[in-house]
Amino acid sequence: MDREKILSAISSAIGYLGNSSKLFSNKEEGETYNLVWRASSDVEYCLFLFSLLHPNEAESFSLKRESSSKQMEIQPILTSALNMLEEAKSCIENDDFAKAHEKTWKARVHLFKVQKIFEKQRKIGAERSSTASS
């Protein structure tokens, strides 16, 4: 059943995000990035499964603009994504798939923010190392 697959993927993403927060606190950014990527992969799979259950629902989420503040700190964004996924899991356990879908979509937005920040940091680091060696 899709419900069990969704729960499994969300639980996996929650595990990856929990571990990524711990690693980020220990300044292990490379490993944090890898775990965020894995969590993002699980979230995408969840959203795919939700789209199979309710094909037209994702369109309403994609049209909504995220109105949250411009957080640029990784830790608070990871925490927000983790909280969203935990809420989504709870919603699924209570058979509220519409709300779970929305929470998962919001978690996806947060994970994309984190990935974007990491990519900017990598680009800046690469530019600094190339100018330092010139």
C-alpha atoms as a PDB file:
ATOM      1  CA  MET A   1       0.000   0.000   0.000  1.00  0.00           C
ATOM      2  CA  ASP A   2       1.168   3.526  -0.747  1.00  0.00           C
ATOM      3  CA  ARG A   3       0.550   4.621   2.845  1.00  0.00           C
ATOM      4  CA  GLU A   4       3.275   2.298   4.115  1.00  0.00           C
ATOM      5  CA  LYS A   5       5.695   3.356   1.371  1.00  0.00           C
ATOM      6  CA  ILE A   6       5.081   7.025   2.206  1.00  0.00           C
ATOM      7  CA  LEU A   7       5.568   6.410   5.927  1.00  0.00           C
ATOM      8  CA  SER A   8       8.761   4.508   5.249  1.00  0.00           C
ATOM      9  CA  ALA A   9      10.194   7.245   3.029  1.00  0.00           C
ATOM     10  CA  ILE A  10       9.233  10.022   5.448  1.00  0.00           C
ATOM     11  CA  SER A  11      10.752   8.077   8.346  1.00  0.00           C
ATOM     12  CA  SER A  12      13.930   7.634   6.337  1.00  0.00           C
ATOM     13  CA  ALA A  13      14.067  11.359   5.532  1.00  0.00           C
ATOM     14  CA  ILE A  14      13.501  12.198   9.204  1.00  0.00           C
ATOM     15  CA  GLY A  15      16.404   9.946  10.150  1.00  0.00           C
ATOM     16  CA  TYR A  16      18.709  11.544   7.595  1.00  0.00           C
ATOM     17  CA  LEU A  17      17.758  15.058   8.731  1.00  0.00           C
ATOM     18  CA  GLY A  18      18.216  14.204  12.395  1.00  0.00           C
ATOM     19  CA  ASN A  19      21.690  12.908  11.661  1.00  0.00           C
ATOM     20  CA  SER A  20      22.497  15.861   9.385  1.00  0.00           C
ATOM     21  CA  SER A  21      21.697  18.309  12.187  1.00  0.00           C
ATOM     22  CA  LYS A  22      24.068  16.489  14.522  1.00  0.00           C
ATOM     23  CA  LEU A  23      26.834  16.396  11.920  1.00  0.00           C
ATOM     24  CA  PHE A  24      26.351  20.063  11.055  1.00  0.00           C
ATOM     25  CA  SER A  25      26.705  20.945  14.746  1.00  0.00           C
ATOM     26  CA  ASN A  26      30.047  19.117  14.648  1.00  0.00           C
ATOM     27  CA  LYS A  27      31.160  21.165  11.610  1.00  0.00           C
ATOM     28  CA  GLU A  28      31.006  18.169   9.268  1.00  0.00           C
ATOM     29  CA  GLU A  29      29.476  20.043   6.358  1.00  0.00           C
ATOM     30  CA  GLY A  30      30.377  17.571   3.607  1.00  0.00           C
ATOM     31  CA  GLU A  31      28.625  14.706   5.348  1.00  0.00           C
ATOM     32  CA  THR A  32      25.730  17.000   6.275  1.00  0.00           C
ATOM     33  CA  TYR A  33      25.266  17.885   2.614  1.00  0.00           C
ATOM     34  CA  ASN A  34      25.190  14.190   1.660  1.00  0.00           C
ATOM     35  CA  LEU A  35      22.512  13.434   4.258  1.00  0.00           C
ATOM     36  CA  VAL A  36      20.429  16.433   3.198  1.00  0.00           C
ATOM     37  CA  TRP A  37      20.630  15.155  -0.373  1.00  0.00           C
ATOM     38  CA  ARG A  38      19.435  11.712   0.748  1.00  0.00           C
ATOM     39  CA  ALA A  39      16.578  13.253   2.746  1.00  0.00           C
ATOM     40  CA  SER A  40      15.633  15.309  -0.315  1.00  0.00           C
ATOM     41  CA  SER A  41      15.556  12.148  -2.385  1.00  0.00           C
ATOM     42  CA  ASP A  42      13.176  10.500   0.087  1.00  0.00           C
ATOM     43  CA  VAL A  43      10.985  13.605   0.154  1.00  0.00           C
ATOM     44  CA  GLU A  44      10.790  13.627  -3.651  1.00  0.00           C
ATOM     45  CA  TYR A  45       9.732   9.979  -3.575  1.00  0.00           C
ATOM     46  CA  CYS A  46       7.022  10.825  -1.020  1.00  0.00           C
ATOM     47  CA  LEU A  47       5.759  13.647  -3.194  1.00  0.00           C
ATOM     48  CA  PHE A  48       5.689  11.286  -6.173  1.00  0.00           C
ATOM     49  CA  LEU A  49       3.597   8.799  -4.173  1.00  0.00           C
ATOM     50  CA  PHE A  50       1.270  11.588  -3.020  1.00  0.00           C
ATOM     51  CA  SER A  51       0.853  12.671  -6.653  1.00  0.00           C
ATOM     52  CA  LEU A  52      -0.274   9.149  -7.517  1.00  0.00           C
ATOM     53  CA  LEU A  53      -2.888   9.267  -4.754  1.00  0.00           C
ATOM     54  CA  HIS A  54      -4.106  12.788  -5.584  1.00  0.00           C
ATOM     55  CA  PRO A  55      -2.906  13.798  -9.063  1.00  0.00           C
ATOM     56  CA  ASN A  56      -4.164  17.411  -9.056  1.00  0.00           C
ATOM     57  CA  GLU A  57      -3.173  18.383  -5.523  1.00  0.00           C
ATOM     58  CA  ALA A  58       0.502  19.161  -6.161  1.00  0.00           C
ATOM     59  CA  GLU A  59      -0.417  21.902  -8.610  1.00  0.00           C
ATOM     60  CA  SER A  60      -1.942  23.968  -5.812  1.00  0.00           C
ATOM     61  CA  PHE A  61       1.229  23.648  -3.716  1.00  0.00           C
ATOM     62  CA  SER A  62       3.542  24.585  -6.554  1.00  0.00           C
ATOM     63  CA  LEU A  63       1.581  27.756  -7.242  1.00  0.00           C
ATOM     64  CA  LYS A  64       1.784  28.924  -3.626  1.00  0.00           C
ATOM     65  CA  ARG A  65       4.708  31.154  -2.754  1.00  0.00           C
ATOM     66  CA  GLU A  66       6.610  30.384   0.395  1.00  0.00           C
ATOM     67  CA  SER A  67       6.225  33.475   2.550  1.00  0.00           C
ATOM     68  CA  SER A  68       8.730  32.580   5.228  1.00  0.00           C
ATOM     69  CA  SER A  69      11.546  34.881   6.218  1.00  0.00           C
ATOM     70  CA  LYS A  70      14.813  34.791   4.304  1.00  0.00           C
ATOM     71  CA  GLN A  71      16.608  32.502   6.719  1.00  0.00           C
ATOM     72  CA  MET A  72      20.175  31.950   5.632  1.00  0.00           C
ATOM     73  CA  GLU A  73      21.275  29.867   8.578  1.00  0.00           C
ATOM     74  CA  ILE A  74      21.398  26.171   7.794  1.00  0.00           C
ATOM     75  CA  GLN A  75      20.578  24.809  11.261  1.00  0.00           C
ATOM     76  CA  PRO A  76      17.188  26.567  11.637  1.00  0.00           C
ATOM     77  CA  ILE A  77      16.174  25.541   8.122  1.00  0.00           C
ATOM     78  CA  LEU A  78      17.119  21.913   8.810  1.00  0.00           C
ATOM     79  CA  THR A  79      15.107  22.048  12.015  1.00  0.00           C
ATOM     80  CA  SER A  80      12.098  23.488  10.169  1.00  0.00           C
ATOM     81  CA  ALA A  81      12.294  20.767   7.512  1.00  0.00           C
ATOM     82  CA  LEU A  82      12.573  18.094  10.191  1.00  0.00           C
ATOM     83  CA  ASN A  83       9.562  19.506  12.046  1.00  0.00           C
ATOM     84  CA  MET A  84       7.531  19.604   8.828  1.00  0.00           C
ATOM     85  CA  LEU A  85       8.317  15.966   8.094  1.00  0.00           C
ATOM     86  CA  GLU A  86       7.474  14.899  11.637  1.00  0.00           C
ATOM     87  CA  GLU A  87       4.136  16.702  11.298  1.00  0.00           C
ATOM     88  CA  ALA A  88       3.580  15.058   7.905  1.00  0.00           C
ATOM     89  CA  LYS A  89       4.263  11.639   9.408  1.00  0.00           C
ATOM     90  CA  SER A  90       1.757  12.325  12.171  1.00  0.00           C
ATOM     91  CA  CYS A  91      -0.814  13.434   9.594  1.00  0.00           C
ATOM     92  CA  ILE A  92      -0.349  10.230   7.618  1.00  0.00           C
ATOM     93  CA  GLU A  93      -0.747   8.163  10.767  1.00  0.00           C
ATOM     94  CA  ASN A  94      -4.051  10.014  11.286  1.00  0.00           C
ATOM     95  CA  ASP A  95      -5.048   9.457   7.615  1.00  0.00           C
ATOM     96  CA  ASP A  96      -4.888  13.180   6.768  1.00  0.00           C
ATOM     97  CA  PHE A  97      -3.086  12.779   3.459  1.00  0.00           C
ATOM     98  CA  ALA A  98      -3.872  16.271   2.156  1.00  0.00           C
ATOM     99  CA  LYS A  99      -2.200  17.962   5.128  1.00  0.00           C
ATOM    100  CA  ALA A 100       0.684  15.468   5.033  1.00  0.00           C
ATOM    101  CA  HIS A 101       1.216  16.259   1.358  1.00  0.00           C
ATOM    102  CA  GLU A 102       1.336  19.988   2.097  1.00  0.00           C
ATOM    103  CA  LYS A 103       3.774  19.548   5.014  1.00  0.00           C
ATOM    104  CA  THR A 104       6.016  17.349   2.865  1.00  0.00           C
ATOM    105  CA  TRP A 105       5.956  19.951   0.113  1.00  0.00           C
ATOM    106  CA  LYS A 106       7.003  22.651   2.594  1.00  0.00           C
ATOM    107  CA  ALA A 107       9.824  20.433   3.865  1.00  0.00           C
ATOM    108  CA  ARG A 108      10.989  20.104   0.254  1.00  0.00           C
ATOM    109  CA  VAL A 109      11.168  23.895  -0.053  1.00  0.00           C
ATOM    110  CA  HIS A 110      13.313  24.054   3.100  1.00  0.00           C
ATOM    111  CA  LEU A 111      15.632  21.315   1.857  1.00  0.00           C
ATOM    112  CA  PHE A 112      16.100  23.146  -1.437  1.00  0.00           C
ATOM    113  CA  LYS A 113      17.089  26.253   0.539  1.00  0.00           C
ATOM    114  CA  VAL A 114      19.737  24.287   2.429  1.00  0.00           C
ATOM    115  CA  GLN A 115      21.089  22.764  -0.773  1.00  0.00           C
ATOM    116  CA  LYS A 116      21.254  26.210  -2.366  1.00  0.00           C
ATOM    117  CA  ILE A 117      23.210  27.591   0.609  1.00  0.00           C
ATOM    118  CA  PHE A 118      25.659  24.669   0.462  1.00  0.00           C
ATOM    119  CA  GLU A 119      26.161  25.175  -3.270  1.00  0.00           C
ATOM    120  CA  LYS A 120      26.848  28.888  -2.758  1.00  0.00           C
ATOM    121  CA  GLN A 121      29.382  28.057  -0.057  1.00  0.00           C
ATOM    122  CA  ARG A 122      31.085  25.499  -2.295  1.00  0.00           C
ATOM    123  CA  LYS A 123      31.232  27.978  -5.175  1.00  0.00           C
ATOM    124  CA  ILE A 124      32.721  30.680  -2.935  1.00  0.00           C
ATOM    125  CA  GLY A 125      35.245  28.189  -1.551  1.00  0.00           C
ATOM    126  CA  ALA A 126      36.246  27.115  -5.062  1.00  0.00           C
ATOM    127  CA  GLU A 127      36.641  30.732  -6.170  1.00  0.00           C
ATOM    128  CA  ARG A 128      38.792  31.535  -3.139  1.00  0.00           C
ATOM    129  CA  SER A 129      41.040  28.550  -3.700  1.00  0.00           C
ATOM    130  CA  SER A 130      41.466  29.351  -7.396  1.00  0.00           C
ATOM    131  CA  THR A 131      42.381  32.983  -6.695  1.00  0.00           C
ATOM    132  CA  ALA A 132      44.724  31.944  -3.882  1.00  0.00           C
ATOM    133  CA  SER A 133      46.628  29.585  -6.158  1.00  0.00           C
ATOM    134  CA  SER A 134      46.884  32.156  -8.978  1.00  0.00           C
END
